[in-house]
Amino acid sequence: MSAKLVLVGCGNMGYAMLEGWLKSGLIRAAETIVVEPAETLRERAAQLGVNALANSGDIAAGAAPQLIIFAVKPQVILDIVPEYARFTSSATYLSVAAGTPIAAFEKLLGDDAPVIRCMPNTPAAIGKGMMVTVANGNVSQDAAAFVRELLATNGEVASVDDEALMDAVTAVSGSGPAYVFHFIECLTAAGEAAGLASETAKLLAMQTVFGAASLAATSGTEPGELRRQVTSPNGTTAAALDVLMGDDRLKKLVAEAVDAARLRSIELGK
């Protein structure tokens, strides 16, 4: 059995990302191994045509995978990662395990192991994610380029040079979808309070956030300018923004929330 890619863990996020990789044609199912102990998840992965195994011991002794991806919960890293140290001569290691620093993988795999750490967010499951990577000095340019191309099938990709910035990344894009979901909840509740039917308020809130984000992403115009374009002097939007922007109210609240998430990320990484 040969494999260019080994995916360790195939829960909802891992499965969704794998689907995107296979559809892109960047990897072939016949050259992909999924290691997943849960039978139902393993069977689901097998339906994509990959080689789905229950444990790493089932990987052929002579296998030389080029990329091993850890898509598992952080609390099992210590138990699982050492099983893949035998592939350090051929493989680059990519982790999407939240909050686990590169140093933890180097300790388990060896100082010479090429390791890339990635912080995705949940929209990656529908190809609309934000993936941010940081790599150690052992990762080759070719490997880094391939990983970037692979992750791009799941959304936008950015990189940072300083791993300490991953706490800020976690606070902005990793946790960020929850902030947006809560804003939708709040806008829906405000619509209901203003007299709209519940389903109507929900539709208006969701589609407004979706449409505004799509416009911001595709127009090439800065968000601040888009805001000014839709704000007529002394109009309804201006009245609402006086509340949100007065004394930098929303700006300060979001900054406080992001900093709280960043500090918690630092605590969890210790």
Protein backbone atom coordinates (compact mmCIF):
# COMPACT_ATOMS: atom_id res chain seq x y z
CA MET A 1 0.00 0.00 0.00
CA SER A 2 1.49 3.36 -1.04
CA ALA A 3 0.27 6.77 0.02
CA LYS A 4 1.26 10.34 -0.67
CA LEU A 5 -1.07 11.67 2.00
CA VAL A 6 -2.17 10.33 5.38
CA LEU A 7 -5.07 12.01 7.19
CA VAL A 8 -5.14 11.16 10.88
CA GLY A 9 -8.66 11.75 12.19
CA CYS A 10 -11.67 12.11 9.93
CA GLY A 11 -14.38 13.84 11.93
CA ASN A 12 -16.63 16.47 10.38
CA MET A 13 -13.87 18.99 9.71
CA GLY A 14 -11.34 16.44 8.51
CA TYR A 15 -13.91 14.78 6.25
CA ALA A 16 -15.06 18.07 4.74
CA MET A 17 -11.50 19.18 4.05
CA LEU A 18 -10.67 15.78 2.54
CA GLU A 19 -13.65 16.05 0.21
CA GLY A 20 -12.37 19.38 -1.04
CA TRP A 21 -8.86 18.02 -1.59
CA LEU A 22 -10.11 15.06 -3.60
CA LYS A 23 -12.49 17.16 -5.71
CA SER A 24 -9.65 19.55 -6.54
CA GLY A 25 -7.63 16.74 -8.10
CA LEU A 26 -4.55 17.73 -6.10
CA ILE A 27 -4.58 14.32 -4.45
CA ARG A 28 -5.95 10.99 -5.61
CA ALA A 29 -8.09 8.71 -3.46
CA ALA A 30 -5.87 5.74 -4.32
CA GLU A 31 -2.86 7.56 -2.85
CA THR A 32 -4.64 8.66 0.31
CA ILE A 33 -4.86 6.89 3.65
CA VAL A 34 -7.28 7.87 6.40
CA VAL A 35 -6.60 6.61 9.91
CA GLU A 36 -9.79 6.79 11.95
CA PRO A 37 -10.60 4.46 14.88
CA ALA A 38 -14.34 5.25 14.90
CA GLU A 39 -16.00 2.70 12.63
CA THR A 40 -18.82 4.93 11.35
CA LEU A 41 -16.41 7.75 10.47
CA ARG A 42 -13.99 5.28 8.90
CA GLU A 43 -16.74 3.81 6.73
CA ARG A 44 -17.81 7.29 5.65
CA ALA A 45 -14.24 8.09 4.59
CA ALA A 46 -13.97 4.81 2.71
CA GLN A 47 -16.92 5.83 0.55
CA LEU A 48 -14.69 8.53 -0.93
CA GLY A 49 -12.44 5.79 -2.27
CA VAL A 50 -9.53 6.29 0.12
CA ASN A 51 -7.80 3.55 2.09
CA ALA A 52 -9.47 3.82 5.50
CA LEU A 53 -7.64 2.16 8.40
CA ALA A 54 -8.44 1.73 12.06
CA ASN A 55 -4.93 2.47 13.35
CA SER A 56 -1.47 3.55 12.21
CA GLY A 57 -0.07 0.06 12.64
CA ASP A 58 -1.99 -0.99 9.54
CA ILE A 59 0.06 1.34 7.34
CA ALA A 60 2.60 -0.70 5.39
CA ALA A 61 6.10 -0.73 6.84
CA GLY A 62 7.59 0.52 3.57
CA ALA A 63 5.17 3.39 3.10
CA ALA A 64 6.74 6.81 2.58
CA PRO A 65 3.93 9.41 2.74
CA GLN A 66 4.76 12.94 1.67
CA LEU A 67 2.24 14.65 3.94
CA ILE A 68 0.73 13.53 7.24
CA ILE A 69 -2.15 15.64 8.53
CA PHE A 70 -3.32 15.56 12.14
CA ALA A 71 -7.00 16.51 12.36
CA VAL A 72 -7.59 15.29 15.90
CA LYS A 73 -8.51 16.85 19.23
CA PRO A 74 -5.56 18.47 21.06
CA GLN A 75 -5.95 16.21 24.09
CA VAL A 76 -5.00 13.09 22.10
CA ILE A 77 -1.91 14.56 20.41
CA LEU A 78 0.52 13.08 22.95
CA ASP A 79 -0.87 9.59 22.39
CA ILE A 80 -1.22 9.66 18.61
CA VAL A 81 1.61 11.69 17.10
CA PRO A 82 4.54 9.46 18.18
CA GLU A 83 3.08 6.64 16.11
CA TYR A 84 4.02 8.61 12.97
CA ALA A 85 7.62 9.43 13.88
CA ARG A 86 8.76 6.54 11.65
CA PHE A 87 7.87 8.63 8.59
CA THR A 88 10.07 11.64 9.32
CA SER A 89 12.46 10.79 6.49
CA SER A 90 9.75 11.31 3.87
CA ALA A 91 6.91 13.31 5.37
CA THR A 92 5.99 16.86 6.20
CA TYR A 93 3.55 17.07 9.11
CA LEU A 94 0.52 19.37 9.06
CA SER A 95 -1.52 19.94 12.21
CA VAL A 96 -4.99 21.44 12.39
CA ALA A 97 -5.23 20.63 16.11
CA ALA A 98 -6.20 23.83 17.90
CA GLY A 99 -3.74 25.39 20.33
CA THR A 100 -0.96 22.82 19.94
CA PRO A 101 2.39 24.55 19.30
CA ILE A 102 4.98 23.37 16.81
CA ALA A 103 7.38 22.66 19.69
CA ALA A 104 5.03 19.95 20.95
CA PHE A 105 5.29 18.13 17.61
CA GLU A 106 9.07 18.58 17.46
CA LYS A 107 9.31 17.00 20.90
CA LEU A 108 7.26 14.01 19.76
CA LEU A 109 8.65 13.62 16.24
CA GLY A 110 12.19 14.95 16.57
CA ASP A 111 13.80 18.34 16.09
CA ASP A 112 14.38 17.64 12.39
CA ALA A 113 10.71 17.00 11.60
CA PRO A 114 9.15 19.44 9.11
CA VAL A 115 6.02 20.77 10.85
CA ILE A 116 3.31 23.16 9.67
CA ARG A 117 0.67 24.34 12.09
CA CYS A 118 -2.69 25.49 10.70
CA MET A 119 -5.60 27.28 12.33
CA PRO A 120 -8.72 26.75 10.20
CA ASN A 121 -12.22 27.87 11.06
CA THR A 122 -15.54 26.10 10.68
CA PRO A 123 -16.54 27.60 7.28
CA ALA A 124 -13.70 25.51 5.85
CA ALA A 125 -16.24 22.70 5.94
CA ILE A 126 -18.08 24.38 3.03
CA GLY A 127 -15.01 25.69 1.22
CA LYS A 128 -15.37 29.19 2.67
CA GLY A 129 -12.87 28.95 5.49
CA MET A 130 -9.93 31.03 6.64
CA MET A 131 -6.77 28.99 7.11
CA VAL A 132 -3.65 30.50 8.64
CA THR A 133 -0.35 28.60 8.75
CA VAL A 134 3.03 28.87 10.39
CA ALA A 135 5.94 26.51 9.70
CA ASN A 136 9.20 25.57 11.33
CA GLY A 137 12.53 25.91 9.53
CA ASN A 138 12.55 22.29 8.39
CA VAL A 139 9.69 22.71 5.92
CA SER A 140 10.81 22.90 2.29
CA GLN A 141 9.47 25.56 -0.08
CA ASP A 142 7.88 22.86 -2.24
CA ALA A 143 6.09 21.30 0.73
CA ALA A 144 4.88 24.68 1.97
CA ALA A 145 3.59 25.55 -1.50
CA PHE A 146 1.73 22.24 -1.82
CA VAL A 147 0.11 22.62 1.61
CA ARG A 148 -0.99 26.15 0.73
CA GLU A 149 -2.48 24.92 -2.55
CA LEU A 150 -4.23 22.07 -0.76
CA LEU A 151 -5.71 24.31 1.94
CA ALA A 152 -6.84 26.83 -0.67
CA THR A 153 -9.48 24.32 -1.77
CA ASN A 154 -11.13 24.95 1.62
CA GLY A 155 -11.06 28.76 1.47
CA GLU A 156 -8.57 31.59 1.85
CA VAL A 157 -5.03 30.91 3.12
CA ALA A 158 -2.62 33.25 4.89
CA SER A 159 0.62 32.65 6.77
CA VAL A 160 2.48 34.24 9.65
CA ASP A 161 6.19 34.04 10.44
CA ASP A 162 5.88 34.34 14.22
CA GLU A 163 4.03 31.46 15.86
CA ALA A 164 3.08 33.71 18.79
CA LEU A 165 0.69 35.48 16.39
CA MET A 166 -1.39 32.30 16.17
CA ASP A 167 -3.09 33.36 19.39
CA ALA A 168 -4.30 36.50 17.62
CA VAL A 169 -5.28 34.42 14.59
CA THR A 170 -7.31 32.16 16.86
CA ALA A 171 -9.04 35.16 18.40
CA VAL A 172 -9.92 36.79 15.06
CA SER A 173 -10.66 34.05 12.53
CA GLY A 174 -10.64 30.84 14.57
CA SER A 175 -13.26 32.02 17.05
CA GLY A 176 -14.59 34.71 14.72
CA PRO A 177 -17.46 32.72 13.16
CA ALA A 178 -19.07 32.51 16.61
CA TYR A 179 -19.01 36.30 16.88
CA VAL A 180 -20.80 36.57 13.53
CA PHE A 181 -23.32 33.89 14.48
CA HIS A 182 -24.10 35.82 17.66
CA PHE A 183 -24.50 39.04 15.68
CA ILE A 184 -27.04 37.24 13.49
CA GLU A 185 -28.84 36.12 16.65
CA CYS A 186 -28.88 39.69 17.97
CA LEU A 187 -30.04 41.20 14.67
CA THR A 188 -32.77 38.57 14.46
CA ALA A 189 -33.95 39.33 18.00
CA ALA A 190 -33.95 43.07 17.24
CA GLY A 191 -36.05 42.44 14.15
CA GLU A 192 -38.54 40.42 16.18
CA ALA A 193 -38.70 43.16 18.80
CA ALA A 194 -39.47 45.62 15.99
CA GLY A 195 -42.48 43.51 14.99
CA LEU A 196 -41.18 41.13 12.33
CA ALA A 197 -42.16 37.47 12.32
CA SER A 198 -39.43 35.23 13.69
CA GLU A 199 -38.61 33.47 10.41
CA THR A 200 -38.67 36.73 8.49
CA ALA A 201 -36.35 38.40 10.98
CA LYS A 202 -33.98 35.44 10.81
CA LEU A 203 -33.93 35.47 7.00
CA LEU A 204 -33.31 39.22 6.88
CA ALA A 205 -30.48 38.98 9.40
CA MET A 206 -28.71 36.00 7.77
CA GLN A 207 -29.02 37.22 4.20
CA THR A 208 -27.92 40.73 5.14
CA VAL A 209 -24.76 39.44 6.81
CA PHE A 210 -24.10 37.04 3.93
CA GLY A 211 -24.69 39.66 1.26
CA ALA A 212 -22.66 42.34 3.00
CA ALA A 213 -19.71 39.98 3.58
CA SER A 214 -19.86 38.81 -0.04
CA LEU A 215 -19.89 42.41 -1.29
CA ALA A 216 -16.97 43.32 0.94
CA ALA A 217 -15.02 40.29 -0.28
CA THR A 218 -15.63 40.84 -4.01
CA SER A 219 -16.03 44.57 -4.59
CA GLY A 220 -12.40 45.56 -4.10
CA THR A 221 -13.63 48.48 -1.98
CA GLU A 222 -12.53 48.93 1.63
CA PRO A 223 -15.25 48.08 4.19
CA GLY A 224 -15.10 51.59 5.63
CA GLU A 225 -15.84 53.07 2.20
CA LEU A 226 -18.71 50.60 1.65
CA ARG A 227 -20.14 51.73 4.99
CA ARG A 228 -19.92 55.38 3.94
CA GLN A 229 -21.56 54.62 0.59
CA VAL A 230 -24.64 53.13 2.25
CA THR A 231 -24.91 55.84 4.91
CA SER A 232 -26.98 58.84 3.84
CA PRO A 233 -26.54 61.97 5.97
CA ASN A 234 -29.20 62.10 8.68
CA GLY A 235 -30.75 58.89 7.33
CA THR A 236 -31.77 55.65 9.02
CA THR A 237 -28.35 54.01 8.68
CA ALA A 238 -26.67 57.08 10.15
CA ALA A 239 -29.03 56.94 13.13
CA ALA A 240 -28.11 53.29 13.79
CA LEU A 241 -24.39 53.91 13.34
CA ASP A 242 -24.53 56.76 15.83
CA VAL A 243 -25.43 54.08 18.37
CA LEU A 244 -22.86 51.50 17.24
CA MET A 245 -20.01 53.92 16.56
CA GLY A 246 -20.66 56.53 19.23
CA ASP A 247 -17.68 56.64 21.61
CA ASP A 248 -16.26 53.76 19.52
CA ARG A 249 -18.74 51.53 21.36
CA LEU A 250 -18.71 48.55 19.01
CA LYS A 251 -15.01 48.93 18.19
CA LYS A 252 -14.09 48.78 21.86
CA LEU A 253 -16.42 45.84 22.53
CA VAL A 254 -15.00 43.78 19.65
CA ALA A 255 -11.43 44.63 20.68
CA GLU A 256 -12.20 43.51 24.23
CA ALA A 257 -13.72 40.25 22.98
CA VAL A 258 -10.81 39.47 20.67
CA ASP A 259 -8.29 40.20 23.42
CA ALA A 260 -10.14 37.92 25.81
CA ALA A 261 -9.99 35.12 23.24
CA ARG A 262 -6.31 35.80 22.55
CA LEU A 263 -5.39 35.67 26.24
CA ARG A 264 -7.35 32.45 26.68
CA SER A 265 -5.55 30.96 23.70
CA ILE A 266 -2.23 31.79 25.34
CA GLU A 267 -3.38 30.11 28.58
CA LEU A 268 -4.50 26.96 26.79
CA GLY A 269 -1.21 26.74 24.90
CA LYS A 270 0.89 26.55 28.06
